[in-house]
Amino acid sequence: MMPTRPGQRGFLYLASQSPRRRDLLASLGLEVRILCADIDEQRTAGEVADAYARRLAIAKARQADPPRSGPTAPILGADTVVVVGDRVMGKPANRDDAVDMLGALSGRSHWVHTGVAVVSAAAEAVTVSSTEVWFREISPAERHQYWATGEPADKAGGYAIQGFGALFVVEIRGSFTGVMGLPLFETARLLQEFGYKFLGT
């Protein structure tokens, strides 16, 4: 069954408050309505980072509650974590936490794992995009200046690759939009399983 299609390419619920994810979905021609998904994001003991991102993505999609009077459509959930060495980073709790994260990322590579899940009444599907990112050295002064821009506050790992954070990036290997918070290649593939069509599909 095709999803309700008020927009150019279809309508979709997004279980995320992220404006970046909303805009990325809109770039695919989708009409998006935001839902709240309040879940326990505590990482379980011994849980590897990509499995953690996968679990949170599907938990968000399952937990979100669309309005009964609204259009029928699948729900997309996503979650991004940053990993450097054995340390898994979510969003910084405060300035000191963000500055510490940037110090840990400085002058080395790290991984960004973004889980994406799509859930409907009849089916669910989930995937994870993993991207390696290399940072140049970031001085202590730059870390504090970057915090003052307001950009790191709600970003996994304390940086935004689509903003001032790009000034730290030497190289990436993987999905640029995955580092932003929603890998478009993997997302489109999942949505095609639910009847959405893009370009020639």
Protein backbone atom coordinates (compact mmCIF):
# COMPACT_ATOMS: atom_id res chain seq x y z
CA MET A 1 0.00 0.00 0.00
CA MET A 2 1.31 3.40 -0.94
CA PRO A 3 1.62 5.94 1.89
CA THR A 4 -0.65 8.96 1.97
CA ARG A 5 0.98 11.49 -0.37
CA PRO A 6 0.08 15.12 0.32
CA GLY A 7 3.57 16.21 -0.80
CA GLN A 8 5.53 15.83 -4.03
CA ARG A 9 7.10 12.50 -3.08
CA GLY A 10 4.95 11.51 -0.13
CA PHE A 11 4.20 12.20 3.49
CA LEU A 12 6.23 10.90 6.43
CA TYR A 13 6.31 11.23 10.20
CA LEU A 14 9.71 12.01 11.74
CA ALA A 15 10.37 10.94 15.33
CA SER A 16 13.03 13.59 15.88
CA GLN A 17 13.19 17.26 16.79
CA SER A 18 16.24 17.73 14.54
CA PRO A 19 15.75 20.49 11.93
CA ARG A 20 18.64 18.97 9.98
CA ARG A 21 16.84 15.66 9.56
CA ARG A 22 13.62 17.43 8.62
CA ASP A 23 15.44 19.50 5.97
CA LEU A 24 17.27 16.47 4.58
CA LEU A 25 13.97 14.60 4.15
CA ALA A 26 12.44 17.70 2.55
CA SER A 27 15.35 17.70 0.06
CA LEU A 28 14.02 14.32 -1.15
CA GLY A 29 10.66 15.94 -1.86
CA LEU A 30 8.95 14.56 1.25
CA GLU A 31 6.42 16.37 3.38
CA VAL A 32 7.37 15.80 7.03
CA ARG A 33 5.49 16.14 10.28
CA ILE A 34 7.51 16.08 13.53
CA LEU A 35 6.58 13.73 16.39
CA CYS A 36 8.02 13.54 19.90
CA ALA A 37 9.77 10.33 20.95
CA ASP A 38 10.75 10.29 24.61
CA ILE A 39 12.90 7.19 25.19
CA ASP A 40 15.61 6.10 27.59
CA GLU A 41 18.84 6.77 25.69
CA GLN A 42 21.11 5.11 28.25
CA ARG A 43 23.65 2.84 26.60
CA THR A 44 23.60 -0.72 27.92
CA ALA A 45 26.73 -2.38 29.30
CA GLY A 46 28.93 -3.73 26.53
CA GLU A 47 26.70 -2.36 23.75
CA VAL A 48 28.77 -1.54 20.65
CA ALA A 49 28.25 1.88 19.10
CA ASP A 50 26.57 0.90 15.83
CA ALA A 51 24.16 -1.44 17.64
CA TYR A 52 23.41 1.39 20.09
CA ALA A 53 22.54 3.78 17.25
CA ARG A 54 20.40 1.09 15.62
CA ARG A 55 18.51 0.33 18.84
CA LEU A 56 17.75 3.99 19.58
CA ALA A 57 16.60 4.67 16.02
CA ILE A 58 14.04 1.89 16.05
CA ALA A 59 12.98 2.66 19.62
CA LYS A 60 12.21 6.25 18.63
CA ALA A 61 10.19 5.16 15.59
CA ARG A 62 8.23 2.62 17.63
CA GLN A 63 7.55 4.97 20.54
CA ALA A 64 6.36 8.00 18.57
CA ASP A 65 2.57 8.36 18.61
CA PRO A 66 1.03 9.98 15.50
CA PRO A 67 -2.29 11.79 15.88
CA ARG A 68 -5.29 9.54 15.25
CA SER A 69 -6.89 12.20 13.09
CA GLY A 70 -3.77 12.71 10.96
CA PRO A 71 -2.82 11.00 7.69
CA THR A 72 -1.61 7.43 7.75
CA ALA A 73 2.11 7.18 7.07
CA PRO A 74 5.26 5.39 8.27
CA ILE A 75 7.38 6.84 11.07
CA LEU A 76 11.10 7.42 10.66
CA GLY A 77 13.43 7.41 13.67
CA ALA A 78 17.16 8.17 13.66
CA ASP A 79 20.02 8.46 16.10
CA THR A 80 23.65 9.48 15.69
CA VAL A 81 26.63 8.62 17.88
CA VAL A 82 30.29 9.57 17.53
CA VAL A 83 33.02 7.13 18.53
CA VAL A 84 36.69 7.88 19.15
CA GLY A 85 38.75 4.99 20.45
CA ASP A 86 36.52 3.27 23.03
CA ARG A 87 34.57 6.43 23.86
CA VAL A 88 31.01 6.84 22.59
CA MET A 89 29.79 10.45 22.39
CA GLY A 90 26.26 11.71 22.21
CA LYS A 91 25.27 15.35 22.61
CA PRO A 92 27.41 17.38 25.05
CA ALA A 93 25.84 18.09 28.42
CA ASN A 94 27.41 21.56 28.68
CA ARG A 95 30.32 23.73 27.53
CA ASP A 96 32.98 21.77 29.42
CA ASP A 97 31.68 18.51 28.00
CA ALA A 98 31.73 19.91 24.44
CA VAL A 99 35.24 21.32 24.82
CA ASP A 100 36.39 17.95 26.19
CA MET A 101 34.83 16.12 23.24
CA LEU A 102 36.57 18.38 20.73
CA GLY A 103 39.84 17.79 22.51
CA ALA A 104 39.35 14.04 22.22
CA LEU A 105 38.56 14.35 18.48
CA SER A 106 41.44 16.74 17.76
CA GLY A 107 44.17 15.51 15.41
CA ARG A 108 42.79 12.03 14.80
CA SER A 109 40.03 10.04 13.15
CA HIS A 110 36.69 9.03 14.61
CA TRP A 111 33.57 7.17 13.50
CA VAL A 112 30.04 8.49 13.13
CA HIS A 113 27.27 5.88 13.26
CA THR A 114 23.73 6.92 12.33
CA GLY A 115 20.91 4.45 12.75
CA VAL A 116 17.78 4.91 10.64
CA ALA A 117 14.53 3.01 11.19
CA VAL A 118 11.19 3.14 9.40
CA VAL A 119 8.13 1.68 11.10
CA SER A 120 4.57 1.26 9.83
CA ALA A 121 1.57 -0.71 11.06
CA ALA A 122 2.59 -3.62 8.85
CA ALA A 123 6.39 -3.62 8.78
CA GLU A 124 9.63 -2.15 10.07
CA ALA A 125 13.15 -1.85 8.69
CA VAL A 126 16.39 -0.48 10.12
CA THR A 127 19.94 0.20 8.93
CA VAL A 128 23.12 1.91 10.12
CA SER A 129 25.46 4.20 8.20
CA SER A 130 29.08 4.33 9.42
CA THR A 131 31.48 7.08 8.34
CA GLU A 132 35.10 7.74 9.29
CA VAL A 133 36.04 11.40 9.80
CA TRP A 134 39.53 12.86 10.25
CA PHE A 135 40.04 16.10 12.22
CA ARG A 136 43.00 18.45 12.22
CA GLU A 137 44.44 19.65 15.52
CA ILE A 138 42.01 21.96 17.33
CA SER A 139 43.57 24.39 19.80
CA PRO A 140 41.99 24.95 23.25
CA ALA A 141 41.10 28.52 22.21
CA GLU A 142 39.33 27.26 19.07
CA ARG A 143 37.32 24.75 21.11
CA HIS A 144 35.98 27.52 23.34
CA GLN A 145 35.36 29.82 20.39
CA TYR A 146 33.45 27.07 18.63
CA TRP A 147 31.24 26.51 21.67
CA ALA A 148 30.45 30.24 21.68
CA THR A 149 28.91 29.93 18.19
CA GLY A 150 26.12 27.85 19.72
CA GLU A 151 26.59 25.16 17.10
CA PRO A 152 27.89 22.23 19.22
CA ALA A 153 25.14 22.24 21.87
CA ASP A 154 22.77 19.70 20.30
CA LYS A 155 25.17 17.75 18.08
CA ALA A 156 26.57 14.27 18.67
CA GLY A 157 30.29 14.64 19.30
CA GLY A 158 29.87 18.37 19.81
CA TYR A 159 30.23 19.49 16.18
CA ALA A 160 28.25 20.07 12.98
CA ILE A 161 29.98 19.09 9.75
CA GLN A 162 27.58 21.29 7.77
CA GLY A 163 28.56 24.39 9.77
CA PHE A 164 31.67 25.84 11.37
CA GLY A 165 32.64 22.28 12.32
CA ALA A 166 33.65 21.72 8.71
CA LEU A 167 36.72 23.87 9.42
CA PHE A 168 38.13 20.98 11.48
CA VAL A 169 37.52 18.24 8.90
CA VAL A 170 40.49 17.04 6.87
CA GLU A 171 38.78 14.07 5.21
CA ILE A 172 35.71 11.86 5.44
CA ARG A 173 35.16 8.34 4.19
CA GLY A 174 31.49 7.49 3.99
CA SER A 175 28.27 9.51 4.09
CA PHE A 176 28.41 13.29 4.54
CA THR A 177 24.66 13.41 5.25
CA GLY A 178 25.11 10.52 7.68
CA VAL A 179 27.47 12.71 9.71
CA MET A 180 24.83 15.45 9.56
CA GLY A 181 22.36 13.01 11.12
CA LEU A 182 20.53 11.25 8.28
CA PRO A 183 22.29 9.29 5.51
CA LEU A 184 20.18 9.98 2.43
CA PHE A 185 21.29 6.97 0.38
CA GLU A 186 20.35 4.48 3.11
CA THR A 187 17.22 6.41 4.04
CA ALA A 188 15.89 6.42 0.48
CA ARG A 189 16.56 2.69 0.19
CA LEU A 190 14.54 2.02 3.34
CA LEU A 191 11.68 4.27 2.26
CA GLN A 192 11.46 2.51 -1.11
CA GLU A 193 10.58 -0.65 0.83
CA PHE A 194 7.52 1.24 2.10
CA GLY A 195 6.35 2.38 -1.33
CA TYR A 196 8.07 5.76 -1.65
CA LYS A 197 9.51 6.61 -5.05
CA PHE A 198 12.51 8.81 -5.89
CA LEU A 199 13.73 9.89 -9.33
CA GLY A 200 13.47 6.88 -11.63
CA THR A 201 12.37 4.36 -8.99
